Amino acid sequence: MYNMIETIGNFHPMVVHFPIVCFIIAAVYEAFRLIMRKAESISTTGELLLCIGATAAVVAASLGWAGSQIYADTSTLFYHKWLGTATAASSLGVIALVVKTTNYKLHVAALVILASIVSVTGHFGGLLVHGSLF
């Protein structure tokens, strides 16, 4: 059973890039629309990127937990695991925020924070795979 879980976890690196891109593009796109005063609500594109990214984030976090046994138990792994979990959970929270409220500035702020969290999470993942450059 352990080998099967570890094997499933090997798909984490392939899946993890998708939510990173979705969240960053959604945040940049919606922030640009807000700055240019082109909108008063989140776009269909922003909603779609958020929903696809959130789905991929939940899958990536699950796969990451499954595959984490191959790494030594370090502080880098600890931060990456819990930031990844927080990213997936936060993405679901941002979806709930978008559905429940109509405050566009709040939506954009939440997307920017989500993009920041996923960037930091990705940084720790890169440290796990490639090590520190310095």
N, C-alpha and C. Protein backbone atom coordinates (compact mmCIF):
# COMPACT_ATOMS: atom_id res chain seq x y z
N MET A 1 0.83 -1.20 0.00
CA MET A 1 0.00 0.00 0.00
C MET A 1 0.86 1.25 0.00
N TYR A 2 1.96 1.22 0.78
CA TYR A 2 2.84 2.38 0.86
C TYR A 2 3.41 2.74 -0.51
N ASN A 3 3.84 1.74 -1.28
CA ASN A 3 4.42 2.00 -2.59
C ASN A 3 3.40 2.61 -3.54
N MET A 4 2.14 2.19 -3.45
CA MET A 4 1.11 2.74 -4.31
C MET A 4 0.86 4.21 -3.98
N ILE A 5 0.81 4.55 -2.71
CA ILE A 5 0.61 5.93 -2.30
C ILE A 5 1.79 6.78 -2.74
N GLU A 6 3.00 6.27 -2.55
CA GLU A 6 4.19 7.00 -2.98
C GLU A 6 4.20 7.19 -4.49
N THR A 7 3.78 6.17 -5.24
CA THR A 7 3.72 6.26 -6.69
C THR A 7 2.72 7.32 -7.13
N ILE A 8 1.56 7.35 -6.50
CA ILE A 8 0.56 8.37 -6.80
C ILE A 8 1.12 9.75 -6.50
N GLY A 9 1.87 9.87 -5.42
CA GLY A 9 2.49 11.13 -5.04
C GLY A 9 3.50 11.64 -6.05
N ASN A 10 4.04 10.75 -6.88
CA ASN A 10 4.99 11.18 -7.91
C ASN A 10 4.36 12.08 -8.97
N PHE A 11 3.03 12.12 -9.03
CA PHE A 11 2.34 13.00 -9.98
C PHE A 11 2.24 14.44 -9.49
N HIS A 12 2.63 14.69 -8.25
CA HIS A 12 2.57 16.04 -7.68
C HIS A 12 3.30 17.08 -8.53
N PRO A 13 4.55 16.83 -8.95
CA PRO A 13 5.24 17.86 -9.74
C PRO A 13 4.55 18.20 -11.06
N MET A 14 3.84 17.26 -11.63
CA MET A 14 3.15 17.53 -12.90
C MET A 14 1.89 18.37 -12.69
N VAL A 15 1.21 18.15 -11.59
CA VAL A 15 -0.06 18.83 -11.34
C VAL A 15 0.14 20.21 -10.71
N VAL A 16 1.19 20.37 -9.94
CA VAL A 16 1.35 21.55 -9.09
C VAL A 16 1.52 22.84 -9.88
N HIS A 17 2.02 22.77 -11.08
CA HIS A 17 2.25 24.00 -11.85
C HIS A 17 0.95 24.63 -12.34
N PHE A 18 -0.06 23.83 -12.50
CA PHE A 18 -1.34 24.33 -13.01
C PHE A 18 -2.01 25.33 -12.07
N PRO A 19 -2.16 25.03 -10.77
CA PRO A 19 -2.78 26.05 -9.90
C PRO A 19 -1.90 27.29 -9.74
N ILE A 20 -0.59 27.13 -9.79
CA ILE A 20 0.30 28.29 -9.69
C ILE A 20 -0.02 29.27 -10.82
N VAL A 21 -0.06 28.75 -12.02
CA VAL A 21 -0.33 29.60 -13.18
C VAL A 21 -1.74 30.18 -13.12
N CYS A 22 -2.72 29.38 -12.78
CA CYS A 22 -4.11 29.85 -12.73
C CYS A 22 -4.27 31.00 -11.73
N PHE A 23 -3.72 30.84 -10.54
CA PHE A 23 -3.89 31.87 -9.51
C PHE A 23 -3.15 33.15 -9.87
N ILE A 24 -1.94 33.03 -10.38
CA ILE A 24 -1.17 34.23 -10.71
C ILE A 24 -1.80 34.97 -11.88
N ILE A 25 -2.22 34.26 -12.91
CA ILE A 25 -2.86 34.92 -14.05
C ILE A 25 -4.18 35.57 -13.62
N ALA A 26 -4.97 34.88 -12.82
CA ALA A 26 -6.24 35.45 -12.35
C ALA A 26 -5.99 36.73 -11.56
N ALA A 27 -5.00 36.71 -10.67
CA ALA A 27 -4.71 37.89 -9.85
C ALA A 27 -4.22 39.06 -10.71
N VAL A 28 -3.31 38.79 -11.62
CA VAL A 28 -2.78 39.86 -12.48
C VAL A 28 -3.88 40.41 -13.39
N TYR A 29 -4.66 39.53 -13.98
CA TYR A 29 -5.73 39.95 -14.87
C TYR A 29 -6.77 40.80 -14.15
N GLU A 30 -7.23 40.34 -13.01
CA GLU A 30 -8.25 41.10 -12.28
C GLU A 30 -7.68 42.39 -11.68
N ALA A 31 -6.43 42.37 -11.24
CA ALA A 31 -5.82 43.60 -10.73
C ALA A 31 -5.69 44.63 -11.85
N PHE A 32 -5.31 44.18 -13.03
CA PHE A 32 -5.22 45.08 -14.18
C PHE A 32 -6.58 45.66 -14.52
N ARG A 33 -7.61 44.85 -14.50
CA ARG A 33 -8.97 45.34 -14.78
C ARG A 33 -9.40 46.37 -13.73
N LEU A 34 -9.04 46.13 -12.47
CA LEU A 34 -9.39 47.06 -11.41
C LEU A 34 -8.64 48.38 -11.58
N ILE A 35 -7.34 48.31 -11.85
CA ILE A 35 -6.53 49.52 -12.01
C ILE A 35 -7.01 50.34 -13.21
N MET A 36 -7.36 49.65 -14.29
CA MET A 36 -7.82 50.35 -15.50
C MET A 36 -9.28 50.75 -15.42
N ARG A 37 -9.91 50.41 -14.30
CA ARG A 37 -11.33 50.72 -14.08
C ARG A 37 -12.22 50.18 -15.19
N LYS A 38 -11.92 48.96 -15.59
CA LYS A 38 -12.67 48.32 -16.67
C LYS A 38 -13.80 47.44 -16.15
N ALA A 39 -13.87 47.27 -14.85
CA ALA A 39 -14.88 46.35 -14.32
C ALA A 39 -15.26 46.72 -12.89
N GLU A 40 -16.41 46.21 -12.51
CA GLU A 40 -16.87 46.36 -11.13
C GLU A 40 -17.16 45.02 -10.49
N SER A 41 -16.90 43.95 -11.23
CA SER A 41 -17.06 42.61 -10.67
C SER A 41 -16.07 41.68 -11.35
N ILE A 42 -15.82 40.57 -10.70
CA ILE A 42 -14.85 39.62 -11.22
C ILE A 42 -15.36 39.06 -12.55
N SER A 43 -14.44 38.87 -13.48
CA SER A 43 -14.81 38.40 -14.81
C SER A 43 -15.07 36.90 -14.82
N THR A 44 -15.70 36.45 -15.88
CA THR A 44 -15.89 35.02 -16.07
C THR A 44 -14.55 34.32 -16.18
N THR A 45 -13.59 34.99 -16.84
CA THR A 45 -12.24 34.43 -16.96
C THR A 45 -11.61 34.26 -15.58
N GLY A 46 -11.73 35.30 -14.74
CA GLY A 46 -11.18 35.23 -13.39
C GLY A 46 -11.82 34.13 -12.57
N GLU A 47 -13.14 34.02 -12.68
CA GLU A 47 -13.85 32.96 -11.94
C GLU A 47 -13.42 31.58 -12.43
N LEU A 48 -13.30 31.42 -13.75
CA LEU A 48 -12.91 30.14 -14.30
C LEU A 48 -11.49 29.76 -13.87
N LEU A 49 -10.56 30.71 -13.95
CA LEU A 49 -9.19 30.44 -13.52
C LEU A 49 -9.15 30.08 -12.03
N LEU A 50 -9.93 30.78 -11.22
CA LEU A 50 -9.97 30.50 -9.79
C LEU A 50 -10.52 29.10 -9.52
N CYS A 51 -11.60 28.73 -10.18
CA CYS A 51 -12.20 27.42 -9.94
C CYS A 51 -11.31 26.27 -10.43
N ILE A 52 -10.72 26.44 -11.62
CA ILE A 52 -9.82 25.41 -12.14
C ILE A 52 -8.58 25.32 -11.25
N GLY A 53 -8.05 26.49 -10.86
CA GLY A 53 -6.88 26.50 -9.99
C GLY A 53 -7.14 25.88 -8.64
N ALA A 54 -8.31 26.15 -8.08
CA ALA A 54 -8.66 25.58 -6.76
C ALA A 54 -8.78 24.06 -6.84
N THR A 55 -9.41 23.58 -7.90
CA THR A 55 -9.52 22.13 -8.08
C THR A 55 -8.14 21.50 -8.20
N ALA A 56 -7.30 22.11 -9.03
CA ALA A 56 -5.93 21.60 -9.21
C ALA A 56 -5.12 21.71 -7.92
N ALA A 57 -5.36 22.77 -7.13
CA ALA A 57 -4.63 22.94 -5.87
C ALA A 57 -4.98 21.85 -4.87
N VAL A 58 -6.24 21.50 -4.79
CA VAL A 58 -6.66 20.42 -3.89
C VAL A 58 -6.04 19.09 -4.33
N VAL A 59 -6.05 18.83 -5.64
CA VAL A 59 -5.44 17.61 -6.15
C VAL A 59 -3.93 17.63 -5.88
N ALA A 60 -3.27 18.76 -6.17
CA ALA A 60 -1.82 18.86 -5.98
C ALA A 60 -1.44 18.70 -4.51
N ALA A 61 -2.21 19.30 -3.62
CA ALA A 61 -1.91 19.16 -2.19
C ALA A 61 -2.07 17.70 -1.74
N SER A 62 -3.11 17.05 -2.22
CA SER A 62 -3.31 15.64 -1.87
C SER A 62 -2.17 14.77 -2.38
N LEU A 63 -1.78 15.01 -3.63
CA LEU A 63 -0.66 14.26 -4.21
C LEU A 63 0.65 14.57 -3.48
N GLY A 64 0.81 15.83 -3.08
CA GLY A 64 2.01 16.21 -2.35
C GLY A 64 2.13 15.51 -1.01
N TRP A 65 1.03 15.41 -0.29
CA TRP A 65 1.04 14.69 0.98
C TRP A 65 1.36 13.21 0.74
N ALA A 66 0.81 12.66 -0.34
CA ALA A 66 1.05 11.24 -0.64
C ALA A 66 2.52 10.99 -0.98
N GLY A 67 3.15 11.93 -1.66
CA GLY A 67 4.52 11.73 -2.10
C GLY A 67 5.58 12.30 -1.19
N SER A 68 5.19 12.85 -0.07
CA SER A 68 6.16 13.54 0.79
C SER A 68 7.09 12.60 1.54
N GLN A 69 6.81 11.31 1.53
CA GLN A 69 7.65 10.36 2.26
C GLN A 69 9.04 10.21 1.65
N ILE A 70 9.21 10.63 0.40
CA ILE A 70 10.52 10.45 -0.23
C ILE A 70 11.53 11.51 0.21
N TYR A 71 11.06 12.54 0.90
CA TYR A 71 11.94 13.62 1.34
C TYR A 71 12.26 13.47 2.82
N ALA A 72 13.43 13.94 3.20
CA ALA A 72 13.81 13.97 4.61
C ALA A 72 12.89 14.97 5.33
N ASP A 73 12.58 14.69 6.56
CA ASP A 73 11.69 15.55 7.34
C ASP A 73 12.45 16.80 7.79
N THR A 74 12.39 17.84 6.97
CA THR A 74 13.10 19.09 7.25
C THR A 74 12.11 20.21 7.46
N SER A 75 12.61 21.36 7.88
CA SER A 75 11.74 22.52 8.04
C SER A 75 11.22 22.98 6.68
N THR A 76 12.01 22.80 5.62
CA THR A 76 11.56 23.18 4.28
C THR A 76 10.35 22.34 3.88
N LEU A 77 10.42 21.05 4.11
CA LEU A 77 9.28 20.17 3.82
C LEU A 77 8.08 20.56 4.66
N PHE A 78 8.29 20.84 5.93
CA PHE A 78 7.20 21.24 6.82
C PHE A 78 6.47 22.47 6.28
N TYR A 79 7.24 23.51 5.94
CA TYR A 79 6.63 24.74 5.44
C TYR A 79 5.94 24.52 4.11
N HIS A 80 6.56 23.73 3.23
CA HIS A 80 5.96 23.48 1.93
C HIS A 80 4.64 22.72 2.07
N LYS A 81 4.62 21.68 2.91
CA LYS A 81 3.41 20.90 3.10
C LYS A 81 2.27 21.75 3.64
N TRP A 82 2.57 22.55 4.67
CA TRP A 82 1.48 23.30 5.30
C TRP A 82 1.09 24.53 4.51
N LEU A 83 2.03 25.14 3.81
CA LEU A 83 1.65 26.25 2.92
C LEU A 83 0.85 25.72 1.73
N GLY A 84 1.20 24.54 1.24
CA GLY A 84 0.42 23.93 0.16
C GLY A 84 -1.00 23.63 0.59
N THR A 85 -1.13 23.10 1.79
CA THR A 85 -2.46 22.84 2.34
C THR A 85 -3.23 24.14 2.53
N ALA A 86 -2.55 25.17 3.04
CA ALA A 86 -3.18 26.48 3.22
C ALA A 86 -3.58 27.09 1.88
N THR A 87 -2.77 26.88 0.86
CA THR A 87 -3.10 27.39 -0.47
C THR A 87 -4.38 26.75 -0.99
N ALA A 88 -4.47 25.43 -0.88
CA ALA A 88 -5.66 24.73 -1.35
C ALA A 88 -6.90 25.18 -0.57
N ALA A 89 -6.77 25.27 0.74
CA ALA A 89 -7.91 25.70 1.57
C ALA A 89 -8.27 27.15 1.30
N SER A 90 -7.27 27.99 1.15
CA SER A 90 -7.52 29.41 0.88
C SER A 90 -8.21 29.60 -0.46
N SER A 91 -7.84 28.80 -1.44
CA SER A 91 -8.48 28.93 -2.75
C SER A 91 -9.97 28.62 -2.66
N LEU A 92 -10.33 27.66 -1.84
CA LEU A 92 -11.75 27.37 -1.63
C LEU A 92 -12.42 28.52 -0.89
N GLY A 93 -11.69 29.14 0.04
CA GLY A 93 -12.22 30.30 0.74
C GLY A 93 -12.43 31.49 -0.17
N VAL A 94 -11.53 31.68 -1.13
CA VAL A 94 -11.68 32.78 -2.09
C VAL A 94 -12.89 32.54 -2.98
N ILE A 95 -13.11 31.29 -3.37
CA ILE A 95 -14.31 30.98 -4.15
C ILE A 95 -15.56 31.33 -3.35
N ALA A 96 -15.59 30.95 -2.09
CA ALA A 96 -16.74 31.27 -1.23
C ALA A 96 -16.92 32.79 -1.11
N LEU A 97 -15.81 33.50 -0.99
CA LEU A 97 -15.86 34.97 -0.91
C LEU A 97 -16.46 35.58 -2.17
N VAL A 98 -16.04 35.09 -3.30
CA VAL A 98 -16.55 35.61 -4.58
C VAL A 98 -18.03 35.32 -4.74
N VAL A 99 -18.46 34.14 -4.28
CA VAL A 99 -19.87 33.76 -4.40
C VAL A 99 -20.74 34.56 -3.43
N LYS A 100 -20.23 34.78 -2.21
CA LYS A 100 -21.05 35.38 -1.15
C LYS A 100 -21.06 36.91 -1.13
N THR A 101 -20.02 37.55 -1.69
CA THR A 101 -19.95 39.01 -1.61
C THR A 101 -19.87 39.62 -3.01
N THR A 102 -20.12 40.92 -3.07
CA THR A 102 -20.04 41.63 -4.35
C THR A 102 -18.95 42.70 -4.34
N ASN A 103 -18.09 42.68 -3.35
CA ASN A 103 -17.04 43.68 -3.24
C ASN A 103 -15.85 43.30 -4.13
N TYR A 104 -15.77 43.93 -5.30
CA TYR A 104 -14.76 43.58 -6.29
C TYR A 104 -13.35 43.84 -5.79
N LYS A 105 -13.15 44.93 -5.08
CA LYS A 105 -11.82 45.22 -4.54
C LYS A 105 -11.37 44.13 -3.57
N LEU A 106 -12.28 43.63 -2.78
CA LEU A 106 -11.98 42.53 -1.86
C LEU A 106 -11.64 41.26 -2.63
N HIS A 107 -12.37 41.00 -3.70
CA HIS A 107 -12.08 39.83 -4.55
C HIS A 107 -10.67 39.91 -5.11
N VAL A 108 -10.31 41.07 -5.64
CA VAL A 108 -8.97 41.24 -6.22
C VAL A 108 -7.90 41.11 -5.14
N ALA A 109 -8.13 41.70 -3.98
CA ALA A 109 -7.16 41.59 -2.88
C ALA A 109 -6.99 40.12 -2.48
N ALA A 110 -8.08 39.37 -2.41
CA ALA A 110 -7.99 37.96 -2.05
C ALA A 110 -7.22 37.17 -3.11
N LEU A 111 -7.44 37.50 -4.38
CA LEU A 111 -6.69 36.82 -5.46
C LEU A 111 -5.20 37.14 -5.39
N VAL A 112 -4.87 38.39 -5.08
CA VAL A 112 -3.45 38.77 -4.97
C VAL A 112 -2.79 38.05 -3.79
N ILE A 113 -3.50 37.97 -2.68
CA ILE A 113 -2.97 37.24 -1.52
C ILE A 113 -2.80 35.77 -1.85
N LEU A 114 -3.78 35.19 -2.54
CA LEU A 114 -3.69 33.79 -2.93
C LEU A 114 -2.50 33.55 -3.87
N ALA A 115 -2.30 34.45 -4.82
CA ALA A 115 -1.15 34.33 -5.73
C ALA A 115 0.16 34.45 -4.95
N SER A 116 0.18 35.29 -3.93
CA SER A 116 1.38 35.43 -3.10
C SER A 116 1.65 34.15 -2.30
N ILE A 117 0.61 33.58 -1.74
CA ILE A 117 0.76 32.34 -0.96
C ILE A 117 1.26 31.21 -1.85
N VAL A 118 0.68 31.08 -3.04
CA VAL A 118 1.10 29.99 -3.92
C VAL A 118 2.53 30.22 -4.41
N SER A 119 2.95 31.47 -4.53
CA SER A 119 4.34 31.75 -4.93
C SER A 119 5.33 31.34 -3.85
N VAL A 120 5.01 31.65 -2.61
CA VAL A 120 5.89 31.26 -1.49
C VAL A 120 5.91 29.74 -1.36
N THR A 121 4.75 29.12 -1.52
CA THR A 121 4.68 27.66 -1.45
C THR A 121 5.55 27.03 -2.54
N GLY A 122 5.46 27.57 -3.75
CA GLY A 122 6.27 27.08 -4.85
C GLY A 122 7.76 27.27 -4.60
N HIS A 123 8.10 28.36 -3.94
CA HIS A 123 9.51 28.60 -3.60
C HIS A 123 10.04 27.49 -2.71
N PHE A 124 9.27 27.14 -1.67
CA PHE A 124 9.71 26.07 -0.78
C PHE A 124 9.75 24.72 -1.51
N GLY A 125 8.82 24.50 -2.45
CA GLY A 125 8.87 23.29 -3.25
C GLY A 125 10.12 23.24 -4.12
N GLY A 126 10.48 24.38 -4.69
CA GLY A 126 11.70 24.45 -5.48
C GLY A 126 12.95 24.18 -4.63
N LEU A 127 12.94 24.67 -3.40
CA LEU A 127 14.06 24.39 -2.50
C LEU A 127 14.17 22.90 -2.20
N LEU A 128 13.03 22.23 -2.07
CA LEU A 128 13.06 20.79 -1.81
C LEU A 128 13.66 20.03 -2.99
N VAL A 129 13.29 20.41 -4.19
CA VAL A 129 13.73 19.68 -5.38
C VAL A 129 15.13 20.07 -5.81
N HIS A 130 15.41 21.36 -5.81
CA HIS A 130 16.68 21.85 -6.39
C HIS A 130 17.69 22.30 -5.35
N GLY A 131 17.28 22.50 -4.12
CA GLY A 131 18.18 23.01 -3.09
C GLY A 131 18.35 24.52 -3.20
N SER A 132 19.07 25.08 -2.28
CA SER A 132 19.31 26.52 -2.26
C SER A 132 20.39 26.89 -3.26
N LEU A 133 20.23 28.02 -3.90
CA LEU A 133 21.21 28.48 -4.86
C LEU A 133 22.36 29.22 -4.19
N PHE A 134 22.18 29.57 -2.94
CA PHE A 134 23.19 30.36 -2.26
C PHE A 134 23.79 29.61 -1.09
